[in-house]
Amino acid sequence: MIKQTLPATWRCGRFLFDFSKRQRPLVMGILNATPDSFSDGGKFRTASDAIAQAERMITNGVDIIDIGGESTRPGAEPVSLQEELDRVLPIIDALKDCGVALSIDTYKAQTICQALRAGVDCVNDIWALRQEGAVDAILESDKNHPEKQCGIVLMHMQRDPQTMQFDPEYVDVIAEVKLFLQERAKLLEEQGVAQNRIAIDPGFGFGKSLEHNLNMLANFDQFSQLGYPVLAGISRKSMLGKLTGRDTNERVAPSVAAAILAADRGARIIRVHDVQETVDSLKVWEAIQG
């Protein structure tokens, strides 16, 4: 495949991120309003705790806050639409004027609709908008609010959260993930979504073995060949635990190391639990870029 030039900007709702004027990737902070997320489940379950965590992220230099109301860890059970909305909408309402971009981590069409109406700037979907009504939810929002078109993150996942880690198999994980993401992005473009709104995520840990994950990280630059900003979501994941022997909350150092490796290989967005440590490390990385 011929290497393509990445878009100079990423339109993300009210925000236009200009990659031509910055070296370091955007830092997307994870805000899980859930009782059972793999790393911080239950810590920010109440709206007040979640808002306090968001304020800490903002102080520490976060660019985007990714709000999730349903755990997608391996084996996680889905939650009802109403429960998800009850978890995320009060947080969105409280943070909509906080000065940084807001993202909704969901795959449900109705949650996408209501979150966009409530003020989020980005839709981050582990299903890459494959669930019924998800694409239509984006297009309807575009029609009703053409002045505030959201950013979109399309992620690759093999199977589903309940079964994705049951012996994942690929002939060529890089080629297969690239093909899937390219097809999903092109489908959106054919529906009228501008290319500079779309970002892609190869989906570390979502239907991948340790070998698959390491292959993707080593060859992360290949995903940029598709012509979209690429998100790296490796923070505290089990692949790091397998390599280090550390429990989930002891994986800050390997998470930061993985973020730097991804930045070196062209990541434009880094999704993390540990905002301060990642931002500070990326400042050092940025200082030595040509």
C-alpha atoms as a PDB file:
ATOM      1  CA  MET A   1       0.000   0.000   0.000  1.00  0.00           C
ATOM      2  CA  ILE A   2       1.226   3.504  -0.823  1.00  0.00           C
ATOM      3  CA  LYS A   3       1.766   5.565   2.293  1.00  0.00           C
ATOM      4  CA  GLN A   4      -0.741   8.403   2.567  1.00  0.00           C
ATOM      5  CA  THR A   5      -0.328  11.798   4.180  1.00  0.00           C
ATOM      6  CA  LEU A   6      -2.256  12.095   7.417  1.00  0.00           C
ATOM      7  CA  PRO A   7      -4.836  14.890   7.658  1.00  0.00           C
ATOM      8  CA  ALA A   8      -3.350  18.012   9.215  1.00  0.00           C
ATOM      9  CA  THR A   9      -6.412  18.437  11.428  1.00  0.00           C
ATOM     10  CA  TRP A  10      -8.951  16.349  13.294  1.00  0.00           C
ATOM     11  CA  ARG A  11     -12.421  17.843  13.656  1.00  0.00           C
ATOM     12  CA  CYS A  12     -13.799  16.890  17.056  1.00  0.00           C
ATOM     13  CA  GLY A  13     -17.085  18.696  17.619  1.00  0.00           C
ATOM     14  CA  ARG A  14     -16.330  22.159  19.007  1.00  0.00           C
ATOM     15  CA  PHE A  15     -12.584  21.519  18.685  1.00  0.00           C
ATOM     16  CA  LEU A  16     -10.269  21.441  15.690  1.00  0.00           C
ATOM     17  CA  PHE A  17      -6.995  19.772  16.610  1.00  0.00           C
ATOM     18  CA  ASP A  18      -4.169  20.932  14.335  1.00  0.00           C
ATOM     19  CA  PHE A  19      -1.476  18.252  14.130  1.00  0.00           C
ATOM     20  CA  SER A  20       0.722  20.476  11.969  1.00  0.00           C
ATOM     21  CA  LYS A  21       1.292  22.734  14.990  1.00  0.00           C
ATOM     22  CA  ARG A  22       2.050  20.083  17.603  1.00  0.00           C
ATOM     23  CA  GLN A  23       4.442  17.173  17.971  1.00  0.00           C
ATOM     24  CA  ARG A  24       3.011  15.256  20.899  1.00  0.00           C
ATOM     25  CA  PRO A  25      -0.147  13.185  20.544  1.00  0.00           C
ATOM     26  CA  LEU A  26      -3.417  14.237  22.099  1.00  0.00           C
ATOM     27  CA  VAL A  27      -3.966  12.681  25.508  1.00  0.00           C
ATOM     28  CA  MET A  28      -7.417  11.179  26.020  1.00  0.00           C
ATOM     29  CA  GLY A  29      -8.171  10.588  29.693  1.00  0.00           C
ATOM     30  CA  ILE A  30     -10.341   7.622  30.642  1.00  0.00           C
ATOM     31  CA  LEU A  31     -13.295   8.417  32.927  1.00  0.00           C
ATOM     32  CA  ASN A  32     -15.198   5.235  33.781  1.00  0.00           C
ATOM     33  CA  ALA A  33     -18.516   5.844  35.540  1.00  0.00           C
ATOM     34  CA  THR A  34     -18.840   2.095  36.076  1.00  0.00           C
ATOM     35  CA  PRO A  35     -18.643  -0.376  38.980  1.00  0.00           C
ATOM     36  CA  ASP A  36     -16.729  -3.053  37.048  1.00  0.00           C
ATOM     37  CA  SER A  37     -14.171  -1.583  34.629  1.00  0.00           C
ATOM     38  CA  PHE A  38     -10.959  -3.613  34.703  1.00  0.00           C
ATOM     39  CA  SER A  39      -8.709  -0.946  36.253  1.00  0.00           C
ATOM     40  CA  ASP A  40     -10.743   1.689  38.057  1.00  0.00           C
ATOM     41  CA  GLY A  41     -14.213   0.181  38.304  1.00  0.00           C
ATOM     42  CA  GLY A  42     -16.203   1.785  41.110  1.00  0.00           C
ATOM     43  CA  LYS A  43     -13.716   4.574  41.867  1.00  0.00           C
ATOM     44  CA  PHE A  44     -15.686   7.214  39.940  1.00  0.00           C
ATOM     45  CA  ARG A  45     -19.146   5.692  40.023  1.00  0.00           C
ATOM     46  CA  THR A  46     -20.872   8.732  41.519  1.00  0.00           C
ATOM     47  CA  ALA A  47     -21.167  11.899  39.455  1.00  0.00           C
ATOM     48  CA  SER A  48     -19.301  13.940  42.069  1.00  0.00           C
ATOM     49  CA  ASP A  49     -16.341  11.520  42.116  1.00  0.00           C
ATOM     50  CA  ALA A  50     -16.248  11.432  38.322  1.00  0.00           C
ATOM     51  CA  ILE A  51     -16.321  15.222  38.060  1.00  0.00           C
ATOM     52  CA  ALA A  52     -13.520  15.546  40.613  1.00  0.00           C
ATOM     53  CA  GLN A  53     -11.419  13.093  38.593  1.00  0.00           C
ATOM     54  CA  ALA A  54     -12.134  15.058  35.413  1.00  0.00           C
ATOM     55  CA  GLU A  55     -10.973  18.231  37.110  1.00  0.00           C
ATOM     56  CA  ARG A  56      -7.719  16.517  38.064  1.00  0.00           C
ATOM     57  CA  MET A  57      -7.248  15.431  34.458  1.00  0.00           C
ATOM     58  CA  ILE A  58      -7.801  18.977  33.221  1.00  0.00           C
ATOM     59  CA  THR A  59      -5.275  20.347  35.709  1.00  0.00           C
ATOM     60  CA  ASN A  60      -2.765  17.760  34.471  1.00  0.00           C
ATOM     61  CA  GLY A  61      -3.130  18.718  30.804  1.00  0.00           C
ATOM     62  CA  VAL A  62      -5.642  16.292  29.299  1.00  0.00           C
ATOM     63  CA  ASP A  63      -6.906  17.120  25.791  1.00  0.00           C
ATOM     64  CA  ILE A  64     -10.004  14.891  25.682  1.00  0.00           C
ATOM     65  CA  ILE A  65     -12.035  13.219  28.433  1.00  0.00           C
ATOM     66  CA  ASP A  66     -13.545   9.885  27.384  1.00  0.00           C
ATOM     67  CA  ILE A  67     -16.659   9.137  29.446  1.00  0.00           C
ATOM     68  CA  GLY A  68     -17.878   5.564  29.659  1.00  0.00           C
ATOM     69  CA  GLY A  69     -20.900   4.056  31.391  1.00  0.00           C
ATOM     70  CA  GLU A  70     -20.408   0.390  30.493  1.00  0.00           C
ATOM     71  CA  SER A  71     -17.374  -1.799  31.043  1.00  0.00           C
ATOM     72  CA  THR A  72     -15.957  -3.487  27.942  1.00  0.00           C
ATOM     73  CA  ARG A  73     -13.324  -5.565  29.715  1.00  0.00           C
ATOM     74  CA  PRO A  74     -13.108  -9.216  28.598  1.00  0.00           C
ATOM     75  CA  GLY A  75     -16.162 -11.074  29.825  1.00  0.00           C
ATOM     76  CA  ALA A  76     -18.058  -7.943  30.850  1.00  0.00           C
ATOM     77  CA  GLU A  77     -21.843  -8.151  30.782  1.00  0.00           C
ATOM     78  CA  PRO A  78     -23.742  -5.424  28.911  1.00  0.00           C
ATOM     79  CA  VAL A  79     -25.837  -2.927  30.856  1.00  0.00           C
ATOM     80  CA  SER A  80     -29.226  -1.519  29.955  1.00  0.00           C
ATOM     81  CA  LEU A  81     -29.577   1.661  27.942  1.00  0.00           C
ATOM     82  CA  GLN A  82     -31.196   3.504  30.854  1.00  0.00           C
ATOM     83  CA  GLU A  83     -28.476   2.507  33.288  1.00  0.00           C
ATOM     84  CA  GLU A  84     -25.785   3.703  30.901  1.00  0.00           C
ATOM     85  CA  LEU A  85     -27.565   7.011  30.348  1.00  0.00           C
ATOM     86  CA  ASP A  86     -28.069   7.502  34.090  1.00  0.00           C
ATOM     87  CA  ARG A  87     -24.324   7.088  34.579  1.00  0.00           C
ATOM     88  CA  VAL A  88     -23.004   9.326  31.797  1.00  0.00           C
ATOM     89  CA  LEU A  89     -25.495  12.142  31.170  1.00  0.00           C
ATOM     90  CA  PRO A  90     -25.048  13.950  34.525  1.00  0.00           C
ATOM     91  CA  ILE A  91     -21.277  13.897  33.998  1.00  0.00           C
ATOM     92  CA  ILE A  92     -21.562  15.251  30.461  1.00  0.00           C
ATOM     93  CA  ASP A  93     -23.884  18.008  31.660  1.00  0.00           C
ATOM     94  CA  ALA A  94     -21.465  19.005  34.429  1.00  0.00           C
ATOM     95  CA  LEU A  95     -18.405  19.008  32.158  1.00  0.00           C
ATOM     96  CA  LYS A  96     -19.791  20.336  28.864  1.00  0.00           C
ATOM     97  CA  ASP A  97     -18.201  23.759  29.412  1.00  0.00           C
ATOM     98  CA  CYS A  98     -14.990  22.544  31.069  1.00  0.00           C
ATOM     99  CA  GLY A  99     -12.724  23.766  28.250  1.00  0.00           C
ATOM    100  CA  VAL A 100     -11.545  20.402  26.903  1.00  0.00           C
ATOM    101  CA  ALA A 101     -13.174  18.044  24.411  1.00  0.00           C
ATOM    102  CA  LEU A 102     -15.581  15.401  25.699  1.00  0.00           C
ATOM    103  CA  SER A 103     -15.923  11.929  24.222  1.00  0.00           C
ATOM    104  CA  ILE A 104     -18.564   9.267  24.813  1.00  0.00           C
ATOM    105  CA  ASP A 105     -17.338   5.676  24.966  1.00  0.00           C
ATOM    106  CA  THR A 106     -20.388   3.741  23.773  1.00  0.00           C
ATOM    107  CA  TYR A 107     -21.785   1.569  20.998  1.00  0.00           C
ATOM    108  CA  LYS A 108     -25.510   2.141  21.616  1.00  0.00           C
ATOM    109  CA  ALA A 109     -27.269   4.343  19.065  1.00  0.00           C
ATOM    110  CA  GLN A 110     -29.553   5.985  21.615  1.00  0.00           C
ATOM    111  CA  THR A 111     -26.639   6.793  23.917  1.00  0.00           C
ATOM    112  CA  ILE A 112     -24.796   8.334  20.955  1.00  0.00           C
ATOM    113  CA  CYS A 113     -27.848  10.490  20.164  1.00  0.00           C
ATOM    114  CA  GLN A 114     -28.379  11.713  23.703  1.00  0.00           C
ATOM    115  CA  ALA A 115     -24.693  12.252  24.433  1.00  0.00           C
ATOM    116  CA  LEU A 116     -24.270  14.350  21.295  1.00  0.00           C
ATOM    117  CA  ARG A 117     -27.325  16.413  22.219  1.00  0.00           C
ATOM    118  CA  ALA A 118     -25.895  16.840  25.719  1.00  0.00           C
ATOM    119  CA  GLY A 119     -22.662  18.298  24.369  1.00  0.00           C
ATOM    120  CA  VAL A 120     -19.999  15.648  23.679  1.00  0.00           C
ATOM    121  CA  ASP A 121     -17.540  16.262  20.872  1.00  0.00           C
ATOM    122  CA  CYS A 122     -16.516  12.716  19.972  1.00  0.00           C
ATOM    123  CA  VAL A 123     -17.987   9.230  19.684  1.00  0.00           C
ATOM    124  CA  ASN A 124     -15.542   6.445  20.609  1.00  0.00           C
ATOM    125  CA  ASP A 125     -17.060   3.106  19.592  1.00  0.00           C
ATOM    126  CA  ILE A 126     -15.480  -0.312  20.215  1.00  0.00           C
ATOM    127  CA  TRP A 127     -17.871  -1.752  17.596  1.00  0.00           C
ATOM    128  CA  ALA A 128     -16.842   0.825  14.942  1.00  0.00           C
ATOM    129  CA  LEU A 129     -20.510   1.864  14.530  1.00  0.00           C
ATOM    130  CA  ARG A 130     -21.606  -1.671  13.558  1.00  0.00           C
ATOM    131  CA  GLN A 131     -24.505  -1.840  16.007  1.00  0.00           C
ATOM    132  CA  GLU A 132     -27.985  -1.132  14.662  1.00  0.00           C
ATOM    133  CA  GLY A 133     -28.692   2.582  14.280  1.00  0.00           C
ATOM    134  CA  ALA A 134     -25.207   3.780  15.242  1.00  0.00           C
ATOM    135  CA  VAL A 135     -24.269   5.241  11.852  1.00  0.00           C
ATOM    136  CA  ASP A 136     -27.725   6.797  11.547  1.00  0.00           C
ATOM    137  CA  ALA A 137     -27.262   8.430  14.964  1.00  0.00           C
ATOM    138  CA  ILE A 138     -24.123  10.170  13.684  1.00  0.00           C
ATOM    139  CA  LEU A 139     -25.785  11.252  10.435  1.00  0.00           C
ATOM    140  CA  GLU A 140     -28.874  12.552  12.244  1.00  0.00           C
ATOM    141  CA  SER A 141     -26.718  14.640  14.560  1.00  0.00           C
ATOM    142  CA  ASP A 142     -24.835  16.029  11.555  1.00  0.00           C
ATOM    143  CA  LYS A 143     -28.116  17.001   9.943  1.00  0.00           C
ATOM    144  CA  ASN A 144     -29.472  18.721  13.031  1.00  0.00           C
ATOM    145  CA  HIS A 145     -26.198  20.370  14.100  1.00  0.00           C
ATOM    146  CA  PRO A 146     -24.034  20.861  10.993  1.00  0.00           C
ATOM    147  CA  GLU A 147     -21.963  23.461  12.819  1.00  0.00           C
ATOM    148  CA  LYS A 148     -20.769  20.946  15.442  1.00  0.00           C
ATOM    149  CA  GLN A 149     -19.900  17.688  13.733  1.00  0.00           C
ATOM    150  CA  CYS A 150     -18.412  15.172  16.108  1.00  0.00           C
ATOM    151  CA  GLY A 151     -15.126  13.356  15.896  1.00  0.00           C
ATOM    152  CA  ILE A 152     -15.398   9.581  15.487  1.00  0.00           C
ATOM    153  CA  VAL A 153     -13.053   6.847  16.726  1.00  0.00           C
ATOM    154  CA  LEU A 154     -13.534   3.483  15.014  1.00  0.00           C
ATOM    155  CA  MET A 155     -12.009   0.512  16.857  1.00  0.00           C
ATOM    156  CA  HIS A 156     -11.241  -3.018  15.736  1.00  0.00           C
ATOM    157  CA  MET A 157     -12.557  -5.857  17.869  1.00  0.00           C
ATOM    158  CA  GLN A 158     -12.684  -9.561  17.045  1.00  0.00           C
ATOM    159  CA  ARG A 159     -16.035 -11.040  18.106  1.00  0.00           C
ATOM    160  CA  ASP A 160     -17.507  -9.311  21.241  1.00  0.00           C
ATOM    161  CA  PRO A 161     -16.439  -8.441  24.817  1.00  0.00           C
ATOM    162  CA  GLN A 162     -17.847 -11.710  26.171  1.00  0.00           C
ATOM    163  CA  THR A 163     -15.892 -13.961  23.766  1.00  0.00           C
ATOM    164  CA  MET A 164     -13.119 -11.823  22.253  1.00  0.00           C
ATOM    165  CA  GLN A 165     -10.300 -13.369  24.302  1.00  0.00           C
ATOM    166  CA  PHE A 166     -11.275 -16.991  23.615  1.00  0.00           C
ATOM    167  CA  ASP A 167      -8.300 -18.006  21.465  1.00  0.00           C
ATOM    168  CA  PRO A 168      -8.182 -15.051  19.004  1.00  0.00           C
ATOM    169  CA  GLU A 169      -6.764 -16.013  15.606  1.00  0.00           C
ATOM    170  CA  TYR A 170      -5.435 -14.100  12.601  1.00  0.00           C
ATOM    171  CA  VAL A 171      -3.485 -15.027   9.496  1.00  0.00           C
ATOM    172  CA  ASP A 172      -1.928 -11.533   9.508  1.00  0.00           C
ATOM    173  CA  VAL A 173      -3.137  -9.356  12.368  1.00  0.00           C
ATOM    174  CA  ILE A 174      -1.759  -6.093  10.920  1.00  0.00           C
ATOM    175  CA  ALA A 175      -3.274  -6.615   7.473  1.00  0.00           C
ATOM    176  CA  GLU A 176      -6.628  -7.820   8.805  1.00  0.00           C
ATOM    177  CA  VAL A 177      -7.033  -4.990  11.309  1.00  0.00           C
ATOM    178  CA  LYS A 178      -6.049  -2.412   8.676  1.00  0.00           C
ATOM    179  CA  LEU A 179      -8.535  -3.798   6.169  1.00  0.00           C
ATOM    180  CA  PHE A 180     -11.372  -3.740   8.700  1.00  0.00           C
ATOM    181  CA  LEU A 181     -10.661  -0.150   9.776  1.00  0.00           C
ATOM    182  CA  GLN A 182     -10.293   1.032   6.198  1.00  0.00           C
ATOM    183  CA  GLU A 183     -13.633  -0.509   5.240  1.00  0.00           C
ATOM    184  CA  ARG A 184     -15.440   1.026   8.206  1.00  0.00           C
ATOM    185  CA  ALA A 185     -13.950   4.469   7.570  1.00  0.00           C
ATOM    186  CA  LYS A 186     -14.766   4.368   3.859  1.00  0.00           C
ATOM    187  CA  LEU A 187     -18.349   3.398   4.642  1.00  0.00           C
ATOM    188  CA  LEU A 188     -18.695   6.562   6.719  1.00  0.00           C
ATOM    189  CA  GLU A 189     -17.089   8.702   4.020  1.00  0.00           C
ATOM    190  CA  GLU A 190     -19.543   7.288   1.475  1.00  0.00           C
ATOM    191  CA  GLN A 191     -22.320   8.475   3.809  1.00  0.00           C
ATOM    192  CA  GLY A 192     -20.920  12.004   3.693  1.00  0.00           C
ATOM    193  CA  VAL A 193     -18.730  12.035   6.822  1.00  0.00           C
ATOM    194  CA  ALA A 194     -15.588  14.121   6.204  1.00  0.00           C
ATOM    195  CA  GLN A 195     -12.303  12.210   6.372  1.00  0.00           C
ATOM    196  CA  ASN A 196     -10.819  14.654   8.880  1.00  0.00           C
ATOM    197  CA  ARG A 197     -13.454  13.661  11.471  1.00  0.00           C
ATOM    198  CA  ILE A 198     -12.427  10.002  11.524  1.00  0.00           C
ATOM    199  CA  ALA A 199      -9.765   8.431  13.743  1.00  0.00           C
ATOM    200  CA  ILE A 200      -8.979   4.724  13.999  1.00  0.00           C
ATOM    201  CA  ASP A 201      -7.969   2.411  16.848  1.00  0.00           C
ATOM    202  CA  PRO A 202      -6.469  -1.066  16.231  1.00  0.00           C
ATOM    203  CA  GLY A 203      -7.957  -2.244  19.528  1.00  0.00           C
ATOM    204  CA  PHE A 204      -5.182  -3.552  21.762  1.00  0.00           C
ATOM    205  CA  GLY A 205      -6.574  -6.369  23.901  1.00  0.00           C
ATOM    206  CA  PHE A 206      -9.867  -6.631  22.034  1.00  0.00           C
ATOM    207  CA  GLY A 207      -9.636 -10.091  20.542  1.00  0.00           C
ATOM    208  CA  LYS A 208      -5.823 -10.213  20.455  1.00  0.00           C
ATOM    209  CA  SER A 209      -3.230 -12.431  22.103  1.00  0.00           C
ATOM    210  CA  LEU A 210      -0.052 -11.058  23.664  1.00  0.00           C
ATOM    211  CA  GLU A 211       1.778 -11.862  20.440  1.00  0.00           C
ATOM    212  CA  HIS A 212      -0.824  -9.997  18.379  1.00  0.00           C
ATOM    213  CA  ASN A 213      -0.645  -6.967  20.685  1.00  0.00           C
ATOM    214  CA  LEU A 214       3.156  -6.809  20.574  1.00  0.00           C
ATOM    215  CA  ASN A 215       3.120  -7.150  16.798  1.00  0.00           C
ATOM    216  CA  MET A 216       0.682  -4.247  16.519  1.00  0.00           C
ATOM    217  CA  LEU A 217       2.740  -2.043  18.824  1.00  0.00           C
ATOM    218  CA  ALA A 218       6.004  -2.849  17.036  1.00  0.00           C
ATOM    219  CA  ASN A 219       4.408  -2.058  13.686  1.00  0.00           C
ATOM    220  CA  PHE A 220       2.044   0.684  14.847  1.00  0.00           C
ATOM    221  CA  ASP A 221       3.215   3.036  12.091  1.00  0.00           C
ATOM    222  CA  GLN A 222       1.522   0.801   9.524  1.00  0.00           C
ATOM    223  CA  PHE A 223      -1.912   1.893  10.715  1.00  0.00           C
ATOM    224  CA  SER A 224      -1.093   5.512   9.821  1.00  0.00           C
ATOM    225  CA  GLN A 225      -0.812   4.411   6.188  1.00  0.00           C
ATOM    226  CA  LEU A 226      -4.603   4.442   6.000  1.00  0.00           C
ATOM    227  CA  GLY A 227      -4.647   8.240   6.193  1.00  0.00           C
ATOM    228  CA  TYR A 228      -6.439   8.756   9.529  1.00  0.00           C
ATOM    229  CA  PRO A 229      -5.175   9.765  12.991  1.00  0.00           C
ATOM    230  CA  VAL A 230      -4.484   6.591  14.960  1.00  0.00           C
ATOM    231  CA  LEU A 231      -5.385   6.126  18.627  1.00  0.00           C
ATOM    232  CA  ALA A 232      -3.332   3.886  20.915  1.00  0.00           C
ATOM    233  CA  GLY A 233      -5.248   2.445  23.869  1.00  0.00           C
ATOM    234  CA  ILE A 234      -2.799   0.301  25.841  1.00  0.00           C
ATOM    235  CA  SER A 235      -3.056   1.834  29.312  1.00  0.00           C
ATOM    236  CA  ARG A 236      -2.824  -0.730  32.160  1.00  0.00           C
ATOM    237  CA  LYS A 237      -3.950  -3.555  29.872  1.00  0.00           C
ATOM    238  CA  SER A 238      -3.354  -7.237  30.551  1.00  0.00           C
ATOM    239  CA  MET A 239      -0.596  -7.420  27.924  1.00  0.00           C
ATOM    240  CA  LEU A 240       1.461  -5.174  30.210  1.00  0.00           C
ATOM    241  CA  GLY A 241       0.645  -7.354  33.188  1.00  0.00           C
ATOM    242  CA  LYS A 242       1.812 -10.449  31.323  1.00  0.00           C
ATOM    243  CA  LEU A 243       5.096  -8.753  30.444  1.00  0.00           C
ATOM    244  CA  THR A 244       5.808  -7.298  33.896  1.00  0.00           C
ATOM    245  CA  GLY A 245       3.936  -9.481  36.345  1.00  0.00           C
ATOM    246  CA  ARG A 246       2.296  -6.367  37.799  1.00  0.00           C
ATOM    247  CA  ASP A 247      -1.313  -6.025  38.934  1.00  0.00           C
ATOM    248  CA  THR A 248      -3.586  -3.584  37.109  1.00  0.00           C
ATOM    249  CA  ASN A 249      -2.959  -0.573  39.361  1.00  0.00           C
ATOM    250  CA  GLU A 250       0.801  -1.168  39.299  1.00  0.00           C
ATOM    251  CA  ARG A 251       1.112  -0.733  35.528  1.00  0.00           C
ATOM    252  CA  VAL A 252       1.701   3.012  35.316  1.00  0.00           C
ATOM    253  CA  ALA A 253       5.344   2.715  34.240  1.00  0.00           C
ATOM    254  CA  PRO A 254       4.766   0.140  31.475  1.00  0.00           C
ATOM    255  CA  SER A 255       1.713   2.104  30.332  1.00  0.00           C
ATOM    256  CA  VAL A 256       3.818   5.246  29.932  1.00  0.00           C
ATOM    257  CA  ALA A 257       6.519   3.256  28.138  1.00  0.00           C
ATOM    258  CA  ALA A 258       3.914   1.881  25.721  1.00  0.00           C
ATOM    259  CA  ALA A 259       2.568   5.389  25.137  1.00  0.00           C
ATOM    260  CA  ILE A 260       6.039   6.647  24.193  1.00  0.00           C
ATOM    261  CA  LEU A 261       6.583   3.672  21.862  1.00  0.00           C
ATOM    262  CA  ALA A 262       3.235   4.389  20.184  1.00  0.00           C
ATOM    263  CA  ALA A 263       4.058   8.100  19.870  1.00  0.00           C
ATOM    264  CA  ASP A 264       7.368   7.180  18.235  1.00  0.00           C
ATOM    265  CA  ARG A 265       5.418   5.125  15.718  1.00  0.00           C
ATOM    266  CA  GLY A 266       2.938   7.815  14.767  1.00  0.00           C
ATOM    267  CA  ALA A 267       0.100   7.661  17.315  1.00  0.00           C
ATOM    268  CA  ARG A 268      -1.881  10.902  17.258  1.00  0.00           C
ATOM    269  CA  ILE A 269      -4.094  10.097  20.260  1.00  0.00           C
ATOM    270  CA  ILE A 270      -3.087   8.207  23.419  1.00  0.00           C
ATOM    271  CA  ARG A 271      -5.938   6.935  25.621  1.00  0.00           C
ATOM    272  CA  VAL A 272      -4.808   6.612  29.247  1.00  0.00           C
ATOM    273  CA  HIS A 273      -5.775   6.264  32.893  1.00  0.00           C
ATOM    274  CA  ASP A 274      -2.715   8.147  34.159  1.00  0.00           C
ATOM    275  CA  VAL A 275      -2.917  11.601  32.606  1.00  0.00           C
ATOM    276  CA  GLN A 276      -0.234  13.438  34.592  1.00  0.00           C
ATOM    277  CA  GLU A 277       2.439  10.782  34.088  1.00  0.00           C
ATOM    278  CA  THR A 278       1.657  10.438  30.376  1.00  0.00           C
ATOM    279  CA  VAL A 279       1.522  14.168  29.655  1.00  0.00           C
ATOM    280  CA  ASP A 280       4.813  14.786  31.487  1.00  0.00           C
ATOM    281  CA  SER A 281       6.545  11.924  29.662  1.00  0.00           C
ATOM    282  CA  LEU A 282       5.265  13.099  26.291  1.00  0.00           C
ATOM    283  CA  LYS A 283       6.613  16.602  27.009  1.00  0.00           C
ATOM    284  CA  VAL A 284      10.090  15.086  27.325  1.00  0.00           C
ATOM    285  CA  TRP A 285       9.520  13.041  24.169  1.00  0.00           C
ATOM    286  CA  GLU A 286       8.285  16.140  22.322  1.00  0.00           C
ATOM    287  CA  ALA A 287      11.347  18.182  23.341  1.00  0.00           C
ATOM    288  CA  ILE A 288      13.701  15.909  21.388  1.00  0.00           C
ATOM    289  CA  GLN A 289      11.644  15.635  18.193  1.00  0.00           C
ATOM    290  CA  GLY A 290      13.191  17.220  15.122  1.00  0.00           C
END
